[in-house]
Amino acid sequence: MEPQLEHRVTDSVATVVIRHPEKRNAMTAAMWRSLPVLLEGLAGDPAVRALVLTGEGGTFCAGADISTLRGSPEEAQGLAVRAEEALAAFPKPTLAAIRGHCVGGGSQLAAACDLRFAEEGALFGVTPAKLGIVYPASSTRRLVSLVGPATAKYLLFSGELIDAERALRTGLVDEVLSEGELGKRVAEFTRVLVSRSQLTQAAAKEFADGVTDRDAHWAGQARASGDTAEGVAAFLERRQPRFGWSVPTSG
């Protein structure tokens, strides 16, 4: 089967699977191109309330398929950045579920997700120095925002791999799970995500990503939605809230 991105939607969670097992799920040019289109469709699907990105089998993503760099490295890098930015801009919570290697372009994709859960034994690396590539400014800033300047420089200068425990200590990942427990934990946590207020999540995502001029917008959304009144009533009545606000669909 050709390398591709597969997806499914179950219980309000979209799962996107990077599938290229012959090359440890390395991303081809066609896969980079297809990701923004796929994300646009999922973002506009009202049935989707959260998204999980993962790799087939025991590897998350070993980066870009190096054969794609023989033609135009600049074009290949541009494809990766556009895919990364589309993932970062996804309007609903995103979580990278990581097993095995998460390297190069795989680390770019993982960093563009809101959260990262990893299985013990996972390895992380940012490897442009091994190829003489200038890492994109936007990707560098995103990495620095996660791990700080010192760790970002360590990763970028050396191209060395770090293990899941170090990734957890530096903030590159949010949780590390024992072998065999990652799928269960991701399912459990995404059930929590889809039960919460989309209004809170959407506003928090913007603010956490540095948006500074939307306070009035979100205050107006909160007043009009009735979600706060519903949340308080549900709490007092000891029942699950029925939040009504949802991410607007385009078109």
C-alpha atoms as a PDB file:
ATOM      1  CA  MET A   1       0.000   0.000   0.000  1.00  0.00           C
ATOM      2  CA  GLU A   2       1.175   3.527  -0.816  1.00  0.00           C
ATOM      3  CA  PRO A   3       2.398   5.777   2.025  1.00  0.00           C
ATOM      4  CA  GLN A   4      -0.574   7.756   3.242  1.00  0.00           C
ATOM      5  CA  LEU A   5      -2.383   9.446   6.091  1.00  0.00           C
ATOM      6  CA  GLU A   6      -5.347   7.434   7.302  1.00  0.00           C
ATOM      7  CA  HIS A   7      -8.074   8.746   9.566  1.00  0.00           C
ATOM      8  CA  ARG A   8     -11.171   7.697  11.444  1.00  0.00           C
ATOM      9  CA  VAL A   9     -13.660   9.439  13.713  1.00  0.00           C
ATOM     10  CA  THR A  10     -14.914   7.590  16.783  1.00  0.00           C
ATOM     11  CA  ASP A  11     -16.805   9.035  19.754  1.00  0.00           C
ATOM     12  CA  SER A  12     -16.074  12.627  18.642  1.00  0.00           C
ATOM     13  CA  VAL A  13     -12.308  11.986  18.360  1.00  0.00           C
ATOM     14  CA  ALA A  14     -10.565  12.071  14.995  1.00  0.00           C
ATOM     15  CA  THR A  15      -7.480   9.855  14.825  1.00  0.00           C
ATOM     16  CA  VAL A  16      -4.972  10.584  12.049  1.00  0.00           C
ATOM     17  CA  VAL A  17      -2.448   7.794  11.452  1.00  0.00           C
ATOM     18  CA  ILE A  18       0.868   8.335   9.650  1.00  0.00           C
ATOM     19  CA  ARG A  19       1.326   5.187   7.559  1.00  0.00           C
ATOM     20  CA  HIS A  20       4.651   4.480   5.831  1.00  0.00           C
ATOM     21  CA  PRO A  21       6.010   1.477   7.722  1.00  0.00           C
ATOM     22  CA  GLU A  22       8.726   0.657   5.191  1.00  0.00           C
ATOM     23  CA  LYS A  23      10.485   3.893   6.203  1.00  0.00           C
ATOM     24  CA  ARG A  24       9.412   4.165   9.857  1.00  0.00           C
ATOM     25  CA  ASN A  25       6.461   6.362   8.888  1.00  0.00           C
ATOM     26  CA  ALA A  26       8.601   9.001   7.186  1.00  0.00           C
ATOM     27  CA  MET A  27       6.512  11.688   5.516  1.00  0.00           C
ATOM     28  CA  THR A  28       6.569  11.869   1.724  1.00  0.00           C
ATOM     29  CA  ALA A  29       5.864  15.061  -0.200  1.00  0.00           C
ATOM     30  CA  ALA A  30       2.371  13.782  -0.993  1.00  0.00           C
ATOM     31  CA  MET A  31       1.714  13.129   2.708  1.00  0.00           C
ATOM     32  CA  TRP A  32       2.882  16.623   3.667  1.00  0.00           C
ATOM     33  CA  ARG A  33       0.566  18.084   1.027  1.00  0.00           C
ATOM     34  CA  SER A  34      -2.404  16.010   2.113  1.00  0.00           C
ATOM     35  CA  LEU A  35      -2.268  16.862   5.818  1.00  0.00           C
ATOM     36  CA  PRO A  36      -3.582  20.474   5.610  1.00  0.00           C
ATOM     37  CA  VAL A  37      -6.444  19.339   3.365  1.00  0.00           C
ATOM     38  CA  LEU A  38      -7.339  16.523   5.750  1.00  0.00           C
ATOM     39  CA  LEU A  39      -7.193  18.835   8.757  1.00  0.00           C
ATOM     40  CA  GLU A  40      -9.415  21.402   7.076  1.00  0.00           C
ATOM     41  CA  GLY A  41     -12.097  18.778   6.575  1.00  0.00           C
ATOM     42  CA  LEU A  42     -11.868  17.525  10.137  1.00  0.00           C
ATOM     43  CA  ALA A  43     -11.903  21.059  11.550  1.00  0.00           C
ATOM     44  CA  GLY A  44     -15.183  21.690   9.755  1.00  0.00           C
ATOM     45  CA  ASP A  45     -16.790  18.466  10.949  1.00  0.00           C
ATOM     46  CA  PRO A  46     -19.073  19.230  13.920  1.00  0.00           C
ATOM     47  CA  ALA A  47     -18.788  15.591  14.991  1.00  0.00           C
ATOM     48  CA  VAL A  48     -15.076  16.091  15.729  1.00  0.00           C
ATOM     49  CA  ARG A  49     -14.226  17.608  19.127  1.00  0.00           C
ATOM     50  CA  ALA A  50     -10.583  16.511  19.473  1.00  0.00           C
ATOM     51  CA  LEU A  51      -7.843  15.075  17.285  1.00  0.00           C
ATOM     52  CA  VAL A  52      -5.138  12.472  17.918  1.00  0.00           C
ATOM     53  CA  LEU A  53      -2.083  12.196  15.662  1.00  0.00           C
ATOM     54  CA  THR A  54      -0.112   8.965  15.788  1.00  0.00           C
ATOM     55  CA  GLY A  55       1.977   6.603  13.680  1.00  0.00           C
ATOM     56  CA  GLU A  56       1.227   3.101  12.526  1.00  0.00           C
ATOM     57  CA  GLY A  57       2.784   0.339  14.606  1.00  0.00           C
ATOM     58  CA  GLY A  58       5.700   1.049  16.895  1.00  0.00           C
ATOM     59  CA  THR A  59       6.931   4.308  15.357  1.00  0.00           C
ATOM     60  CA  PHE A  60       5.451   7.801  15.392  1.00  0.00           C
ATOM     61  CA  CYS A  61       7.341   9.395  12.494  1.00  0.00           C
ATOM     62  CA  ALA A  62      11.010   9.243  11.517  1.00  0.00           C
ATOM     63  CA  GLY A  63      10.810  12.619   9.772  1.00  0.00           C
ATOM     64  CA  ALA A  64      10.714  13.525   6.119  1.00  0.00           C
ATOM     65  CA  ASP A  65      11.428  10.865   3.525  1.00  0.00           C
ATOM     66  CA  ILE A  66      14.998  11.954   2.670  1.00  0.00           C
ATOM     67  CA  SER A  67      14.512  11.014  -0.983  1.00  0.00           C
ATOM     68  CA  THR A  68      12.160  14.006  -1.228  1.00  0.00           C
ATOM     69  CA  LEU A  69      15.076  16.356  -0.454  1.00  0.00           C
ATOM     70  CA  ARG A  70      17.064  15.456  -3.584  1.00  0.00           C
ATOM     71  CA  GLY A  71      15.039  17.762  -5.790  1.00  0.00           C
ATOM     72  CA  SER A  72      14.381  21.002  -3.931  1.00  0.00           C
ATOM     73  CA  PRO A  73      15.122  20.995  -0.189  1.00  0.00           C
ATOM     74  CA  GLU A  74      13.498  24.425   0.106  1.00  0.00           C
ATOM     75  CA  GLU A  75      10.257  23.170  -1.425  1.00  0.00           C
ATOM     76  CA  ALA A  76      10.271  20.078   0.791  1.00  0.00           C
ATOM     77  CA  GLN A  77      10.808  22.223   3.873  1.00  0.00           C
ATOM     78  CA  GLY A  78       8.006  24.546   2.797  1.00  0.00           C
ATOM     79  CA  LEU A  79       5.615  21.601   2.576  1.00  0.00           C
ATOM     80  CA  ALA A  80       6.563  20.506   6.094  1.00  0.00           C
ATOM     81  CA  VAL A  81       6.095  23.999   7.510  1.00  0.00           C
ATOM     82  CA  ARG A  82       2.670  24.391   5.892  1.00  0.00           C
ATOM     83  CA  ALA A  83       1.590  21.054   7.351  1.00  0.00           C
ATOM     84  CA  GLU A  84       2.975  21.991  10.770  1.00  0.00           C
ATOM     85  CA  GLU A  85       1.207  25.355  10.735  1.00  0.00           C
ATOM     86  CA  ALA A  86      -2.093  23.751   9.685  1.00  0.00           C
ATOM     87  CA  LEU A  87      -1.827  21.360  12.615  1.00  0.00           C
ATOM     88  CA  ALA A  88      -0.966  24.161  15.058  1.00  0.00           C
ATOM     89  CA  ALA A  89      -3.972  26.149  13.791  1.00  0.00           C
ATOM     90  CA  PHE A  90      -6.444  23.280  14.188  1.00  0.00           C
ATOM     91  CA  PRO A  91      -9.226  24.872  16.253  1.00  0.00           C
ATOM     92  CA  LYS A  92      -9.880  21.933  18.574  1.00  0.00           C
ATOM     93  CA  PRO A  93      -7.581  20.144  21.059  1.00  0.00           C
ATOM     94  CA  THR A  94      -4.853  18.037  19.446  1.00  0.00           C
ATOM     95  CA  LEU A  95      -2.758  15.295  21.025  1.00  0.00           C
ATOM     96  CA  ALA A  96       0.249  13.436  19.625  1.00  0.00           C
ATOM     97  CA  ALA A  97       0.378   9.785  20.756  1.00  0.00           C
ATOM     98  CA  ILE A  98       4.023   8.794  20.358  1.00  0.00           C
ATOM     99  CA  ARG A  99       5.710   5.414  20.196  1.00  0.00           C
ATOM    100  CA  GLY A 100       9.224   4.757  18.985  1.00  0.00           C
ATOM    101  CA  HIS A 101      11.027   7.358  16.905  1.00  0.00           C
ATOM    102  CA  CYS A 102       9.720  10.935  16.789  1.00  0.00           C
ATOM    103  CA  VAL A 103      12.465  12.593  14.790  1.00  0.00           C
ATOM    104  CA  GLY A 104      12.950  15.521  12.418  1.00  0.00           C
ATOM    105  CA  GLY A 105       9.665  16.286  10.719  1.00  0.00           C
ATOM    106  CA  GLY A 106       7.987  13.958  13.173  1.00  0.00           C
ATOM    107  CA  SER A 107       9.119  16.224  15.999  1.00  0.00           C
ATOM    108  CA  GLN A 108       7.800  19.207  14.044  1.00  0.00           C
ATOM    109  CA  LEU A 109       4.364  17.606  13.875  1.00  0.00           C
ATOM    110  CA  ALA A 110       4.392  16.544  17.520  1.00  0.00           C
ATOM    111  CA  ALA A 111       5.424  20.031  18.653  1.00  0.00           C
ATOM    112  CA  ALA A 112       2.550  21.523  16.633  1.00  0.00           C
ATOM    113  CA  CYS A 113       0.034  19.513  18.667  1.00  0.00           C
ATOM    114  CA  ASP A 114      -1.365  20.949  21.874  1.00  0.00           C
ATOM    115  CA  LEU A 115      -0.286  17.944  23.948  1.00  0.00           C
ATOM    116  CA  ARG A 116       2.116  15.017  23.593  1.00  0.00           C
ATOM    117  CA  PHE A 117       1.802  11.648  25.346  1.00  0.00           C
ATOM    118  CA  ALA A 118       4.638   9.171  24.824  1.00  0.00           C
ATOM    119  CA  GLU A 119       5.280   5.522  25.549  1.00  0.00           C
ATOM    120  CA  GLU A 120       8.403   4.470  27.421  1.00  0.00           C
ATOM    121  CA  GLY A 121      11.164   3.793  24.930  1.00  0.00           C
ATOM    122  CA  ALA A 122      10.185   6.649  22.615  1.00  0.00           C
ATOM    123  CA  LEU A 123      13.082   8.661  21.174  1.00  0.00           C
ATOM    124  CA  PHE A 124      13.014  12.309  20.130  1.00  0.00           C
ATOM    125  CA  GLY A 125      15.339  14.299  17.919  1.00  0.00           C
ATOM    126  CA  VAL A 126      15.489  17.492  15.887  1.00  0.00           C
ATOM    127  CA  THR A 127      18.025  16.637  13.211  1.00  0.00           C
ATOM    128  CA  PRO A 128      18.555  19.384  10.570  1.00  0.00           C
ATOM    129  CA  ALA A 129      22.214  19.776  11.634  1.00  0.00           C
ATOM    130  CA  LYS A 130      22.856  16.271  10.300  1.00  0.00           C
ATOM    131  CA  LEU A 131      21.774  17.429   6.825  1.00  0.00           C
ATOM    132  CA  GLY A 132      22.971  21.025   6.782  1.00  0.00           C
ATOM    133  CA  ILE A 133      19.400  22.352   6.785  1.00  0.00           C
ATOM    134  CA  VAL A 134      18.394  25.646   8.393  1.00  0.00           C
ATOM    135  CA  TYR A 135      15.495  24.816  10.689  1.00  0.00           C
ATOM    136  CA  PRO A 136      12.542  27.145   9.993  1.00  0.00           C
ATOM    137  CA  ALA A 137      12.179  30.165  12.262  1.00  0.00           C
ATOM    138  CA  SER A 138       8.565  29.346  13.111  1.00  0.00           C
ATOM    139  CA  SER A 139       9.466  25.768  14.028  1.00  0.00           C
ATOM    140  CA  THR A 140      12.407  26.956  16.124  1.00  0.00           C
ATOM    141  CA  ARG A 141      10.205  29.391  18.037  1.00  0.00           C
ATOM    142  CA  ARG A 142       7.639  26.665  18.674  1.00  0.00           C
ATOM    143  CA  LEU A 143      10.341  24.338  19.985  1.00  0.00           C
ATOM    144  CA  VAL A 144      11.772  27.067  22.246  1.00  0.00           C
ATOM    145  CA  SER A 145       8.310  27.767  23.644  1.00  0.00           C
ATOM    146  CA  LEU A 146       8.050  24.106  24.674  1.00  0.00           C
ATOM    147  CA  VAL A 147      11.487  23.314  26.056  1.00  0.00           C
ATOM    148  CA  GLY A 148      13.246  26.662  26.516  1.00  0.00           C
ATOM    149  CA  PRO A 149      16.283  28.058  24.692  1.00  0.00           C
ATOM    150  CA  ALA A 150      18.922  25.797  26.253  1.00  0.00           C
ATOM    151  CA  THR A 151      17.251  22.491  25.413  1.00  0.00           C
ATOM    152  CA  ALA A 152      16.213  23.762  21.985  1.00  0.00           C
ATOM    153  CA  LYS A 153      19.841  24.615  21.250  1.00  0.00           C
ATOM    154  CA  TYR A 154      20.991  21.225  22.538  1.00  0.00           C
ATOM    155  CA  LEU A 155      18.593  19.458  20.191  1.00  0.00           C
ATOM    156  CA  LEU A 156      19.229  21.691  17.174  1.00  0.00           C
ATOM    157  CA  PHE A 157      23.013  21.998  17.541  1.00  0.00           C
ATOM    158  CA  SER A 158      23.627  18.281  18.066  1.00  0.00           C
ATOM    159  CA  GLY A 159      20.831  16.409  16.330  1.00  0.00           C
ATOM    160  CA  GLU A 160      21.176  13.892  19.176  1.00  0.00           C
ATOM    161  CA  LEU A 161      18.223  11.773  20.274  1.00  0.00           C
ATOM    162  CA  ILE A 162      16.807  12.029  23.780  1.00  0.00           C
ATOM    163  CA  ASP A 163      14.664   9.482  25.572  1.00  0.00           C
ATOM    164  CA  ALA A 164      11.093   9.890  26.802  1.00  0.00           C
ATOM    165  CA  GLU A 165      12.119  10.581  30.394  1.00  0.00           C
ATOM    166  CA  ARG A 166      14.339  13.496  29.361  1.00  0.00           C
ATOM    167  CA  ALA A 167      11.639  14.724  26.990  1.00  0.00           C
ATOM    168  CA  LEU A 168       9.246  14.765  29.951  1.00  0.00           C
ATOM    169  CA  ARG A 169      11.686  16.662  32.169  1.00  0.00           C
ATOM    170  CA  THR A 170      12.272  19.319  29.530  1.00  0.00           C
ATOM    171  CA  GLY A 171       8.605  19.804  28.650  1.00  0.00           C
ATOM    172  CA  LEU A 172       8.746  18.245  25.195  1.00  0.00           C
ATOM    173  CA  VAL A 173       6.125  15.702  26.281  1.00  0.00           C
ATOM    174  CA  ASP A 174       3.371  15.934  28.882  1.00  0.00           C
ATOM    175  CA  GLU A 175       3.041  12.306  30.010  1.00  0.00           C
ATOM    176  CA  VAL A 176       5.089   9.121  29.659  1.00  0.00           C
ATOM    177  CA  LEU A 177       3.199   5.830  29.826  1.00  0.00           C
ATOM    178  CA  SER A 178       4.383   2.293  30.453  1.00  0.00           C
ATOM    179  CA  GLU A 179       4.601  -0.011  27.463  1.00  0.00           C
ATOM    180  CA  GLY A 180       1.128  -1.052  26.371  1.00  0.00           C
ATOM    181  CA  GLU A 181      -0.624   1.728  28.292  1.00  0.00           C
ATOM    182  CA  LEU A 182      -0.483   4.581  25.782  1.00  0.00           C
ATOM    183  CA  GLY A 183      -3.621   3.688  23.839  1.00  0.00           C
ATOM    184  CA  LYS A 184      -5.677   3.259  26.993  1.00  0.00           C
ATOM    185  CA  ARG A 185      -4.499   6.578  28.429  1.00  0.00           C
ATOM    186  CA  VAL A 186      -5.116   8.482  25.181  1.00  0.00           C
ATOM    187  CA  ALA A 187      -8.641   7.058  24.965  1.00  0.00           C
ATOM    188  CA  GLU A 188      -9.287   7.964  28.589  1.00  0.00           C
ATOM    189  CA  PHE A 189      -7.961  11.498  28.253  1.00  0.00           C
ATOM    190  CA  THR A 190      -9.747  12.270  24.975  1.00  0.00           C
ATOM    191  CA  ARG A 191     -13.022  11.207  26.622  1.00  0.00           C
ATOM    192  CA  VAL A 192     -12.310  13.926  29.175  1.00  0.00           C
ATOM    193  CA  LEU A 193     -11.542  16.465  26.444  1.00  0.00           C
ATOM    194  CA  VAL A 194     -14.754  15.880  24.498  1.00  0.00           C
ATOM    195  CA  SER A 195     -16.827  16.214  27.686  1.00  0.00           C
ATOM    196  CA  ARG A 196     -15.517  19.706  28.433  1.00  0.00           C
ATOM    197  CA  SER A 197     -16.553  23.127  27.146  1.00  0.00           C
ATOM    198  CA  GLN A 198     -15.411  23.750  23.579  1.00  0.00           C
ATOM    199  CA  LEU A 199     -15.744  27.463  24.315  1.00  0.00           C
ATOM    200  CA  THR A 200     -13.210  27.261  27.148  1.00  0.00           C
ATOM    201  CA  GLN A 201     -10.878  25.117  25.051  1.00  0.00           C
ATOM    202  CA  ALA A 202     -10.998  27.327  21.955  1.00  0.00           C
ATOM    203  CA  ALA A 203     -10.380  30.530  23.903  1.00  0.00           C
ATOM    204  CA  ALA A 204      -7.623  28.941  25.997  1.00  0.00           C
ATOM    205  CA  LYS A 205      -5.918  27.626  22.870  1.00  0.00           C
ATOM    206  CA  GLU A 206      -5.800  31.090  21.327  1.00  0.00           C
ATOM    207  CA  PHE A 207      -4.573  32.767  24.500  1.00  0.00           C
ATOM    208  CA  ALA A 208      -1.938  30.095  25.169  1.00  0.00           C
ATOM    209  CA  ASP A 209      -0.681  30.477  21.600  1.00  0.00           C
ATOM    210  CA  GLY A 210      -0.092  34.173  22.165  1.00  0.00           C
ATOM    211  CA  VAL A 211      -3.184  35.852  20.721  1.00  0.00           C
ATOM    212  CA  THR A 212      -3.586  39.135  22.584  1.00  0.00           C
ATOM    213  CA  ASP A 213      -6.470  41.020  20.945  1.00  0.00           C
ATOM    214  CA  ARG A 214      -9.438  38.690  21.300  1.00  0.00           C
ATOM    215  CA  ASP A 215     -10.536  39.246  24.894  1.00  0.00           C
ATOM    216  CA  ALA A 216     -13.683  41.103  23.880  1.00  0.00           C
ATOM    217  CA  HIS A 217     -14.537  38.502  21.257  1.00  0.00           C
ATOM    218  CA  TRP A 218     -14.385  35.624  23.714  1.00  0.00           C
ATOM    219  CA  ALA A 219     -16.222  37.563  26.409  1.00  0.00           C
ATOM    220  CA  GLY A 220     -19.030  38.101  23.915  1.00  0.00           C
ATOM    221  CA  GLN A 221     -19.022  34.432  22.934  1.00  0.00           C
ATOM    222  CA  ALA A 222     -19.269  33.438  26.586  1.00  0.00           C
ATOM    223  CA  ARG A 223     -22.206  35.775  27.228  1.00  0.00           C
ATOM    224  CA  ALA A 224     -24.100  34.588  24.163  1.00  0.00           C
ATOM    225  CA  SER A 225     -23.434  30.876  24.572  1.00  0.00           C
ATOM    226  CA  GLY A 226     -25.021  30.241  27.963  1.00  0.00           C
ATOM    227  CA  ASP A 227     -22.267  27.720  28.664  1.00  0.00           C
ATOM    228  CA  THR A 228     -21.303  29.293  31.991  1.00  0.00           C
ATOM    229  CA  ALA A 229     -24.856  29.133  33.298  1.00  0.00           C
ATOM    230  CA  GLU A 230     -25.129  25.527  32.102  1.00  0.00           C
ATOM    231  CA  GLY A 231     -21.815  24.570  33.718  1.00  0.00           C
ATOM    232  CA  VAL A 232     -22.774  26.082  37.053  1.00  0.00           C
ATOM    233  CA  ALA A 233     -26.257  24.507  36.967  1.00  0.00           C
ATOM    234  CA  ALA A 234     -24.815  21.104  36.118  1.00  0.00           C
ATOM    235  CA  PHE A 235     -22.315  21.367  38.954  1.00  0.00           C
ATOM    236  CA  LEU A 236     -25.018  22.258  41.478  1.00  0.00           C
ATOM    237  CA  GLU A 237     -27.330  19.543  40.170  1.00  0.00           C
ATOM    238  CA  ARG A 238     -24.494  16.973  40.127  1.00  0.00           C
ATOM    239  CA  ARG A 239     -24.961  16.043  36.491  1.00  0.00           C
ATOM    240  CA  GLN A 240     -22.888  16.209  33.327  1.00  0.00           C
ATOM    241  CA  PRO A 241     -23.123  19.619  31.626  1.00  0.00           C
ATOM    242  CA  ARG A 242     -24.652  19.966  28.168  1.00  0.00           C
ATOM    243  CA  PHE A 243     -22.544  22.716  26.671  1.00  0.00           C
ATOM    244  CA  GLY A 244     -24.026  24.269  23.550  1.00  0.00           C
ATOM    245  CA  TRP A 245     -21.172  26.274  22.043  1.00  0.00           C
ATOM    246  CA  SER A 246     -19.165  24.628  19.254  1.00  0.00           C
ATOM    247  CA  VAL A 247     -16.352  25.718  16.981  1.00  0.00           C
ATOM    248  CA  PRO A 248     -17.921  27.527  14.008  1.00  0.00           C
ATOM    249  CA  THR A 249     -17.672  25.714  10.688  1.00  0.00           C
ATOM    250  CA  SER A 250     -16.379  27.580   7.672  1.00  0.00           C
ATOM    251  CA  GLY A 251     -18.402  27.956   4.517  1.00  0.00           C
END
